[in-house]
C-alpha atoms as a PDB file:
ATOM      1  CA  UNK A   1      62.180 102.891  38.684  1.00  0.00           C
ATOM      2  CA  UNK A   2      60.504 105.378  40.969  1.00  0.00           C
ATOM      3  CA  UNK A   3      57.415 104.789  43.050  1.00  0.00           C
ATOM      4  CA  UNK A   4      55.134 106.902  40.870  1.00  0.00           C
ATOM      5  CA  UNK A   5      56.276 105.071  37.758  1.00  0.00           C
ATOM      6  CA  UNK A   6      55.516 101.656  39.266  1.00  0.00           C
ATOM      7  CA  UNK A   7      52.081 102.774  40.441  1.00  0.00           C
ATOM      8  CA  UNK A   8      51.298 104.218  37.002  1.00  0.00           C
ATOM      9  CA  UNK A   9      52.460 101.045  35.258  1.00  0.00           C
ATOM     10  CA  UNK A  10      50.320  98.954  37.620  1.00  0.00           C
ATOM     11  CA  UNK A  11      47.256 101.019  36.697  1.00  0.00           C
ATOM     12  CA  UNK A  12      48.128 100.816  32.998  1.00  0.00           C
ATOM     13  CA  UNK A  13      48.340  97.030  33.280  1.00  0.00           C
ATOM     14  CA  UNK A  14      44.953  96.747  35.006  1.00  0.00           C
ATOM     15  CA  UNK A  15      43.272  99.044  32.500  1.00  0.00           C
ATOM     16  CA  UNK A  16      44.790  97.136  29.574  1.00  0.00           C
ATOM     17  CA  UNK A  17      43.726  93.667  30.730  1.00  0.00           C
ATOM     18  CA  UNK A  18      40.420  94.541  32.447  1.00  0.00           C
ATOM     19  CA  UNK A  19      39.049  97.371  30.336  1.00  0.00           C
ATOM     20  CA  UNK A  20      40.634  96.724  26.927  1.00  0.00           C
ATOM     21  CA  UNK A  21      40.871  92.931  27.332  1.00  0.00           C
ATOM     22  CA  UNK A  22      44.259  93.216  25.637  1.00  0.00           C
ATOM     23  CA  UNK A  23      46.229  90.018  26.210  1.00  0.00           C
ATOM     24  CA  UNK A  24      49.243  91.520  24.446  1.00  0.00           C
ATOM     25  CA  UNK A  25      49.656  93.566  27.633  1.00  0.00           C
ATOM     26  CA  UNK A  26      50.727  90.369  29.395  1.00  0.00           C
ATOM     27  CA  UNK A  27      53.959  90.252  27.405  1.00  0.00           C
ATOM     28  CA  UNK A  28      54.441  93.995  27.842  1.00  0.00           C
ATOM     29  CA  UNK A  29      54.010  94.106  31.626  1.00  0.00           C
ATOM     30  CA  UNK A  30      54.677  90.555  32.922  1.00  0.00           C
ATOM     31  CA  UNK A  31      57.772  88.412  33.114  1.00  0.00           C
ATOM     32  CA  UNK A  32      57.289  85.163  31.145  1.00  0.00           C
ATOM     33  CA  UNK A  33      57.214  83.108  34.366  1.00  0.00           C
ATOM     34  CA  UNK A  34      54.982  85.507  36.298  1.00  0.00           C
ATOM     35  CA  UNK A  35      52.982  83.908  39.105  1.00  0.00           C
ATOM     36  CA  UNK A  36      49.374  85.063  39.621  1.00  0.00           C
ATOM     37  CA  UNK A  37      47.545  84.196  42.839  1.00  0.00           C
ATOM     38  CA  UNK A  38      43.831  84.778  43.322  1.00  0.00           C
ATOM     39  CA  UNK A  39      41.048  83.479  45.537  1.00  0.00           C
ATOM     40  CA  UNK A  40      40.248  81.058  42.701  1.00  0.00           C
ATOM     41  CA  UNK A  41      43.661  79.425  42.404  1.00  0.00           C
ATOM     42  CA  UNK A  42      47.096  79.919  40.908  1.00  0.00           C
ATOM     43  CA  UNK A  43      48.302  80.619  37.357  1.00  0.00           C
ATOM     44  CA  UNK A  44      51.927  80.310  36.285  1.00  0.00           C
ATOM     45  CA  UNK A  45      53.118  82.059  33.159  1.00  0.00           C
ATOM     46  CA  UNK A  46      51.453  84.324  30.630  1.00  0.00           C
ATOM     47  CA  UNK A  47      49.501  81.527  28.902  1.00  0.00           C
ATOM     48  CA  UNK A  48      47.724  80.405  32.086  1.00  0.00           C
ATOM     49  CA  UNK A  49      47.069  83.994  33.157  1.00  0.00           C
ATOM     50  CA  UNK A  50      45.541  84.731  29.733  1.00  0.00           C
ATOM     51  CA  UNK A  51      43.336  81.657  30.097  1.00  0.00           C
ATOM     52  CA  UNK A  52      42.113  82.762  33.535  1.00  0.00           C
ATOM     53  CA  UNK A  53      41.307  86.229  32.165  1.00  0.00           C
ATOM     54  CA  UNK A  54      39.350  84.695  29.279  1.00  0.00           C
ATOM     55  CA  UNK A  55      37.301  82.673  31.789  1.00  0.00           C
ATOM     56  CA  UNK A  56      36.580  85.861  33.729  1.00  0.00           C
ATOM     57  CA  UNK A  57      35.418  87.790  30.664  1.00  0.00           C
ATOM     58  CA  UNK A  58      32.946  85.064  29.726  1.00  0.00           C
ATOM     59  CA  UNK A  59      31.112  85.960  32.951  1.00  0.00           C
ATOM     60  CA  UNK A  60      31.934  89.597  33.637  1.00  0.00           C
ATOM     61  CA  UNK A  61      31.922  92.594  31.304  1.00  0.00           C
ATOM     62  CA  UNK A  62      33.976  95.431  32.835  1.00  0.00           C
ATOM     63  CA  UNK A  63      32.508  98.828  31.932  1.00  0.00           C
ATOM     64  CA  UNK A  64      34.844 101.099  33.887  1.00  0.00           C
ATOM     65  CA  UNK A  65      37.533 100.976  36.547  1.00  0.00           C
ATOM     66  CA  UNK A  66      38.248 103.421  39.376  1.00  0.00           C
ATOM     67  CA  UNK A  67      41.379 103.430  41.510  1.00  0.00           C
ATOM     68  CA  UNK A  68      41.104 104.468  45.148  1.00  0.00           C
ATOM     69  CA  UNK A  69      44.108 103.639  47.353  1.00  0.00           C
ATOM     70  CA  UNK A  70      47.623 102.989  46.073  1.00  0.00           C
ATOM     71  CA  UNK A  71      51.063 102.691  47.618  1.00  0.00           C
ATOM     72  CA  UNK A  72      54.516 101.384  46.756  1.00  0.00           C
ATOM     73  CA  UNK A  73      57.188 100.023  49.104  1.00  0.00           C
ATOM     74  CA  UNK A  74      60.427  98.254  48.166  1.00  0.00           C
ATOM     75  CA  UNK A  75      59.491  96.057  45.173  1.00  0.00           C
ATOM     76  CA  UNK A  76      55.736  95.890  45.779  1.00  0.00           C
ATOM     77  CA  UNK A  77      52.835  98.037  44.593  1.00  0.00           C
ATOM     78  CA  UNK A  78      49.424  97.701  46.268  1.00  0.00           C
ATOM     79  CA  UNK A  79      46.310  99.115  44.626  1.00  0.00           C
ATOM     80  CA  UNK A  80      42.650  99.017  45.663  1.00  0.00           C
ATOM     81  CA  UNK A  81      40.195  99.502  42.830  1.00  0.00           C
ATOM     82  CA  UNK A  82      36.526  99.177  41.866  1.00  0.00           C
ATOM     83  CA  UNK A  83      35.112  97.897  38.600  1.00  0.00           C
ATOM     84  CA  UNK A  84      31.657  98.772  37.300  1.00  0.00           C
ATOM     85  CA  UNK A  85      30.581  95.555  35.629  1.00  0.00           C
ATOM     86  CA  UNK A  86      27.725  93.672  34.010  1.00  0.00           C
ATOM     87  CA  UNK A  87      26.980  90.044  34.883  1.00  0.00           C
ATOM     88  CA  UNK A  88      26.844  88.317  31.456  1.00  0.00           C
ATOM     89  CA  UNK A  89      27.633  84.677  32.258  1.00  0.00           C
ATOM     90  CA  UNK A  90      27.584  82.055  35.011  1.00  0.00           C
ATOM     91  CA  UNK A  91      29.930  83.014  37.834  1.00  0.00           C
ATOM     92  CA  UNK A  92      30.430  81.234  41.154  1.00  0.00           C
ATOM     93  CA  UNK A  93      27.288  79.206  40.550  1.00  0.00           C
ATOM     94  CA  UNK A  94      25.065  82.206  39.740  1.00  0.00           C
ATOM     95  CA  UNK A  95      23.651  82.168  36.206  1.00  0.00           C
ATOM     96  CA  UNK A  96      23.816  85.384  34.169  1.00  0.00           C
ATOM     97  CA  UNK A  97      21.460  88.025  35.542  1.00  0.00           C
ATOM     98  CA  UNK A  98      22.336  90.918  33.230  1.00  0.00           C
ATOM     99  CA  UNK A  99      22.629  93.123  36.326  1.00  0.00           C
ATOM    100  CA  UNK A 100      25.149  95.930  36.737  1.00  0.00           C
ATOM    101  CA  UNK A 101      27.241  95.707  39.899  1.00  0.00           C
ATOM    102  CA  UNK A 102      30.395  97.015  41.556  1.00  0.00           C
ATOM    103  CA  UNK A 103      33.303  94.615  41.941  1.00  0.00           C
ATOM    104  CA  UNK A 104      35.897  95.709  44.524  1.00  0.00           C
ATOM    105  CA  UNK A 105      39.381  94.216  44.728  1.00  0.00           C
ATOM    106  CA  UNK A 106      42.912  94.770  46.009  1.00  0.00           C
ATOM    107  CA  UNK A 107      45.992  93.711  44.069  1.00  0.00           C
ATOM    108  CA  UNK A 108      49.621  93.481  45.206  1.00  0.00           C
ATOM    109  CA  UNK A 109      52.192  93.448  42.392  1.00  0.00           C
ATOM    110  CA  UNK A 110      55.871  92.599  42.843  1.00  0.00           C
ATOM    111  CA  UNK A 111      58.327  94.077  40.361  1.00  0.00           C
ATOM    112  CA  UNK A 112      61.620  92.853  38.961  1.00  0.00           C
ATOM    113  CA  UNK A 113      63.667  94.824  36.442  1.00  0.00           C
ATOM    114  CA  UNK A 114      60.687  96.869  35.305  1.00  0.00           C
ATOM    115  CA  UNK A 115      58.212  93.993  34.900  1.00  0.00           C
ATOM    116  CA  UNK A 116      55.760  92.200  37.164  1.00  0.00           C
ATOM    117  CA  UNK A 117      57.122  88.901  38.489  1.00  0.00           C
ATOM    118  CA  UNK A 118      54.206  88.047  40.793  1.00  0.00           C
ATOM    119  CA  UNK A 119      50.835  89.423  41.779  1.00  0.00           C
ATOM    120  CA  UNK A 120      48.151  88.555  44.272  1.00  0.00           C
ATOM    121  CA  UNK A 121      44.512  89.563  43.698  1.00  0.00           C
ATOM    122  CA  UNK A 122      41.952  89.622  46.517  1.00  0.00           C
ATOM    123  CA  UNK A 123      38.420  90.278  45.190  1.00  0.00           C
ATOM    124  CA  UNK A 124      35.324  90.999  47.268  1.00  0.00           C
ATOM    125  CA  UNK A 125      33.328  88.028  45.978  1.00  0.00           C
ATOM    126  CA  UNK A 126      30.841  88.240  48.835  1.00  0.00           C
ATOM    127  CA  UNK A 127      30.046  91.859  48.009  1.00  0.00           C
ATOM    128  CA  UNK A 128      29.513  90.946  44.367  1.00  0.00           C
ATOM    129  CA  UNK A 129      27.213  88.017  45.229  1.00  0.00           C
ATOM    130  CA  UNK A 130      25.126  90.189  47.539  1.00  0.00           C
ATOM    131  CA  UNK A 131      24.463  92.523  44.612  1.00  0.00           C
ATOM    132  CA  UNK A 132      23.518  89.698  42.229  1.00  0.00           C
ATOM    133  CA  UNK A 133      21.419  87.517  44.536  1.00  0.00           C
ATOM    134  CA  UNK A 134      19.807  87.510  47.978  1.00  0.00           C
ATOM    135  CA  UNK A 135      21.818  87.417  51.208  1.00  0.00           C
ATOM    136  CA  UNK A 136      20.950  83.825  52.101  1.00  0.00           C
ATOM    137  CA  UNK A 137      22.009  82.535  48.690  1.00  0.00           C
ATOM    138  CA  UNK A 138      25.202  84.601  48.796  1.00  0.00           C
ATOM    139  CA  UNK A 139      26.097  83.177  52.220  1.00  0.00           C
ATOM    140  CA  UNK A 140      25.525  79.595  51.060  1.00  0.00           C
ATOM    141  CA  UNK A 141      27.638  80.122  47.933  1.00  0.00           C
ATOM    142  CA  UNK A 142      30.491  81.691  49.929  1.00  0.00           C
ATOM    143  CA  UNK A 143      30.536  78.775  52.375  1.00  0.00           C
ATOM    144  CA  UNK A 144      30.573  76.272  49.522  1.00  0.00           C
ATOM    145  CA  UNK A 145      33.260  78.214  47.640  1.00  0.00           C
ATOM    146  CA  UNK A 146      35.444  78.483  50.722  1.00  0.00           C
ATOM    147  CA  UNK A 147      35.370  74.761  51.393  1.00  0.00           C
ATOM    148  CA  UNK A 148      35.657  73.718  47.749  1.00  0.00           C
ATOM    149  CA  UNK A 149      38.301  76.269  46.735  1.00  0.00           C
ATOM    150  CA  UNK A 150      40.542  75.507  49.687  1.00  0.00           C
ATOM    151  CA  UNK A 151      40.516  71.797  48.914  1.00  0.00           C
ATOM    152  CA  UNK A 152      40.798  72.322  45.145  1.00  0.00           C
ATOM    153  CA  UNK A 153      43.648  74.783  45.529  1.00  0.00           C
ATOM    154  CA  UNK A 154      45.588  72.495  47.865  1.00  0.00           C
ATOM    155  CA  UNK A 155      45.136  69.402  45.717  1.00  0.00           C
ATOM    156  CA  UNK A 156      45.865  71.143  42.393  1.00  0.00           C
ATOM    157  CA  UNK A 157      49.033  72.692  43.801  1.00  0.00           C
ATOM    158  CA  UNK A 158      50.137  69.273  45.056  1.00  0.00           C
ATOM    159  CA  UNK A 159      49.340  67.585  41.736  1.00  0.00           C
ATOM    160  CA  UNK A 160      51.157  70.265  39.758  1.00  0.00           C
ATOM    161  CA  UNK A 161      54.302  69.851  41.861  1.00  0.00           C
ATOM    162  CA  UNK A 162      54.217  66.029  41.759  1.00  0.00           C
ATOM    163  CA  UNK A 163      53.641  65.855  38.008  1.00  0.00           C
ATOM    164  CA  UNK A 164      56.489  68.250  37.252  1.00  0.00           C
ATOM    165  CA  UNK A 165      58.740  66.439  39.712  1.00  0.00           C
ATOM    166  CA  UNK A 166      58.181  63.243  37.694  1.00  0.00           C
ATOM    167  CA  UNK A 167      59.043  64.960  34.420  1.00  0.00           C
ATOM    168  CA  UNK A 168      55.651  65.711  32.871  1.00  0.00           C
ATOM    169  CA  UNK A 169      55.333  69.413  32.045  1.00  0.00           C
ATOM    170  CA  UNK A 170      51.605  70.115  32.029  1.00  0.00           C
ATOM    171  CA  UNK A 171      50.014  73.454  32.874  1.00  0.00           C
ATOM    172  CA  UNK A 172      47.392  73.669  35.599  1.00  0.00           C
ATOM    173  CA  UNK A 173      44.673  74.201  32.997  1.00  0.00           C
ATOM    174  CA  UNK A 174      45.786  71.043  31.189  1.00  0.00           C
ATOM    175  CA  UNK A 175      45.698  69.135  34.478  1.00  0.00           C
ATOM    176  CA  UNK A 176      42.121  70.291  35.074  1.00  0.00           C
ATOM    177  CA  UNK A 177      41.001  69.127  31.623  1.00  0.00           C
ATOM    178  CA  UNK A 178      42.850  65.825  32.010  1.00  0.00           C
ATOM    179  CA  UNK A 179      41.340  65.153  35.442  1.00  0.00           C
ATOM    180  CA  UNK A 180      37.831  65.613  34.033  1.00  0.00           C
ATOM    181  CA  UNK A 181      38.760  63.429  31.054  1.00  0.00           C
ATOM    182  CA  UNK A 182      39.782  60.641  33.444  1.00  0.00           C
ATOM    183  CA  UNK A 183      36.321  60.934  35.020  1.00  0.00           C
ATOM    184  CA  UNK A 184      34.808  60.293  31.595  1.00  0.00           C
ATOM    185  CA  UNK A 185      33.452  63.786  30.972  1.00  0.00           C
ATOM    186  CA  UNK A 186      33.085  65.005  27.400  1.00  0.00           C
ATOM    187  CA  UNK A 187      34.581  68.284  26.194  1.00  0.00           C
ATOM    188  CA  UNK A 188      31.102  69.832  26.410  1.00  0.00           C
ATOM    189  CA  UNK A 189      30.622  68.883  30.074  1.00  0.00           C
ATOM    190  CA  UNK A 190      34.219  69.759  30.967  1.00  0.00           C
ATOM    191  CA  UNK A 191      33.807  73.200  29.405  1.00  0.00           C
ATOM    192  CA  UNK A 192      30.703  73.760  31.511  1.00  0.00           C
ATOM    193  CA  UNK A 193      32.503  72.773  34.711  1.00  0.00           C
ATOM    194  CA  UNK A 194      35.573  74.885  33.883  1.00  0.00           C
ATOM    195  CA  UNK A 195      33.502  77.837  32.625  1.00  0.00           C
ATOM    196  CA  UNK A 196      35.364  77.965  29.317  1.00  0.00           C
ATOM    197  CA  UNK A 197      34.677  77.236  25.651  1.00  0.00           C
ATOM    198  CA  UNK A 198      34.437  73.705  24.291  1.00  0.00           C
ATOM    199  CA  UNK A 199      37.216  74.542  21.831  1.00  0.00           C
ATOM    200  CA  UNK A 200      39.499  75.515  24.728  1.00  0.00           C
ATOM    201  CA  UNK A 201      39.070  72.078  26.313  1.00  0.00           C
ATOM    202  CA  UNK A 202      39.656  70.347  22.976  1.00  0.00           C
ATOM    203  CA  UNK A 203      42.787  72.388  22.353  1.00  0.00           C
ATOM    204  CA  UNK A 204      44.197  71.472  25.765  1.00  0.00           C
ATOM    205  CA  UNK A 205      43.489  67.776  25.177  1.00  0.00           C
ATOM    206  CA  UNK A 206      45.021  67.931  21.699  1.00  0.00           C
ATOM    207  CA  UNK A 207      48.187  69.497  23.106  1.00  0.00           C
ATOM    208  CA  UNK A 208      48.355  66.827  25.817  1.00  0.00           C
ATOM    209  CA  UNK A 209      47.921  64.032  23.254  1.00  0.00           C
ATOM    210  CA  UNK A 210      50.718  65.440  21.106  1.00  0.00           C
ATOM    211  CA  UNK A 211      52.961  65.579  24.143  1.00  0.00           C
ATOM    212  CA  UNK A 212      52.500  61.984  25.247  1.00  0.00           C
ATOM    213  CA  UNK A 213      52.156  60.506  21.729  1.00  0.00           C
ATOM    214  CA  UNK A 214      55.654  61.647  20.795  1.00  0.00           C
ATOM    215  CA  UNK A 215      57.212  61.289  24.239  1.00  0.00           C
ATOM    216  CA  UNK A 216      58.083  58.521  26.653  1.00  0.00           C
ATOM    217  CA  UNK A 217      54.620  58.042  28.120  1.00  0.00           C
ATOM    218  CA  UNK A 218      52.858  55.798  25.627  1.00  0.00           C
ATOM    219  CA  UNK A 219      49.489  56.006  27.425  1.00  0.00           C
ATOM    220  CA  UNK A 220      48.977  58.995  29.661  1.00  0.00           C
ATOM    221  CA  UNK A 221      46.279  57.386  31.800  1.00  0.00           C
ATOM    222  CA  UNK A 222      48.530  54.388  32.484  1.00  0.00           C
ATOM    223  CA  UNK A 223      51.379  56.750  33.266  1.00  0.00           C
ATOM    224  CA  UNK A 224      49.331  58.459  35.988  1.00  0.00           C
ATOM    225  CA  UNK A 225      48.402  55.054  37.404  1.00  0.00           C
ATOM    226  CA  UNK A 226      52.032  53.882  37.376  1.00  0.00           C
ATOM    227  CA  UNK A 227      53.136  57.057  39.145  1.00  0.00           C
ATOM    228  CA  UNK A 228      50.461  56.673  41.834  1.00  0.00           C
ATOM    229  CA  UNK A 229      48.757  59.916  40.792  1.00  0.00           C
ATOM    230  CA  UNK A 230      45.596  58.594  39.146  1.00  0.00           C
ATOM    231  CA  UNK A 231      43.508  58.572  42.337  1.00  0.00           C
ATOM    232  CA  UNK A 232      44.573  62.167  43.068  1.00  0.00           C
ATOM    233  CA  UNK A 233      43.375  63.230  39.607  1.00  0.00           C
ATOM    234  CA  UNK A 234      40.013  61.479  40.074  1.00  0.00           C
ATOM    235  CA  UNK A 235      39.597  63.087  43.491  1.00  0.00           C
ATOM    236  CA  UNK A 236      40.411  66.531  42.062  1.00  0.00           C
ATOM    237  CA  UNK A 237      37.813  66.083  39.307  1.00  0.00           C
ATOM    238  CA  UNK A 238      35.169  65.327  41.932  1.00  0.00           C
ATOM    239  CA  UNK A 239      36.063  68.496  43.845  1.00  0.00           C
ATOM    240  CA  UNK A 240      35.645  70.602  40.701  1.00  0.00           C
ATOM    241  CA  UNK A 241      32.058  69.488  40.088  1.00  0.00           C
END
C-alpha cells in the first residue's frame, strides 16, 4: 500500500468516526485487537474504542474537520488536524457551555496488512479549555488532570495486566465500573463519574455478573480479595472521583 493510500485511508477513518460518528468504520479500518492510546488512557479492541468515542460524543459535537500536516514513513502515518466543535456536555470538569471552539490534535496510526493495528492521539486539551473557560481555571484543570490521569493510567494498566494474568478477562471499561461498584456507587453515580449513560454502566455490570455467575469465581468481590487486588480496585475508584 502506497503512502498516499495510507494517508487517504487515515483521513477517511477520522472523518467516518469523528464527523459521521459511524462505529461500523471501526471494523472497516481497525484490526480487531487494535490498541488506541490517548491522553485519557488506553483502549484495547474495537468495543473499548467504540465506548471511548461514545463518551467523547456525549460532550463534544464535531461540526467539521480540517487536515493540515500529514506524512507517512515505514508503517506509520502521522496527521495533524483541527475540529470545529460545540461543547454540549461536561468535559474535563467543565459543564456544557454551548460554545463553539477549535480542537487541535495529532494522531499517529500504525498499519498492518491494510488495517490500523495501533494509534496514538495527542489532543490540545489546554487549548480547548482556554477557549471554554478563563486561563486560571484552565491551568488548574490541566494540573489536576495531569496528576490524576498519570496515576489513573498507571494503576488501570497495572490492574488490567494483573487481572488478565490471573485468568479473568475483563475490559478496562468493565474494570472501571467494577471498581466504582466496590466503592458502593450506584449506576447513576458511576455513570456521572465515567461520563457515560446509566444503561452503559448497567450493561457492563450485567456482563460481568454473567461471566462470574457461570464461571469459577462464585463471588467476584471475594475473588478480588483472594487475589490481593481488592485494595488496588478501591484505590483506583478513589482516583477516578
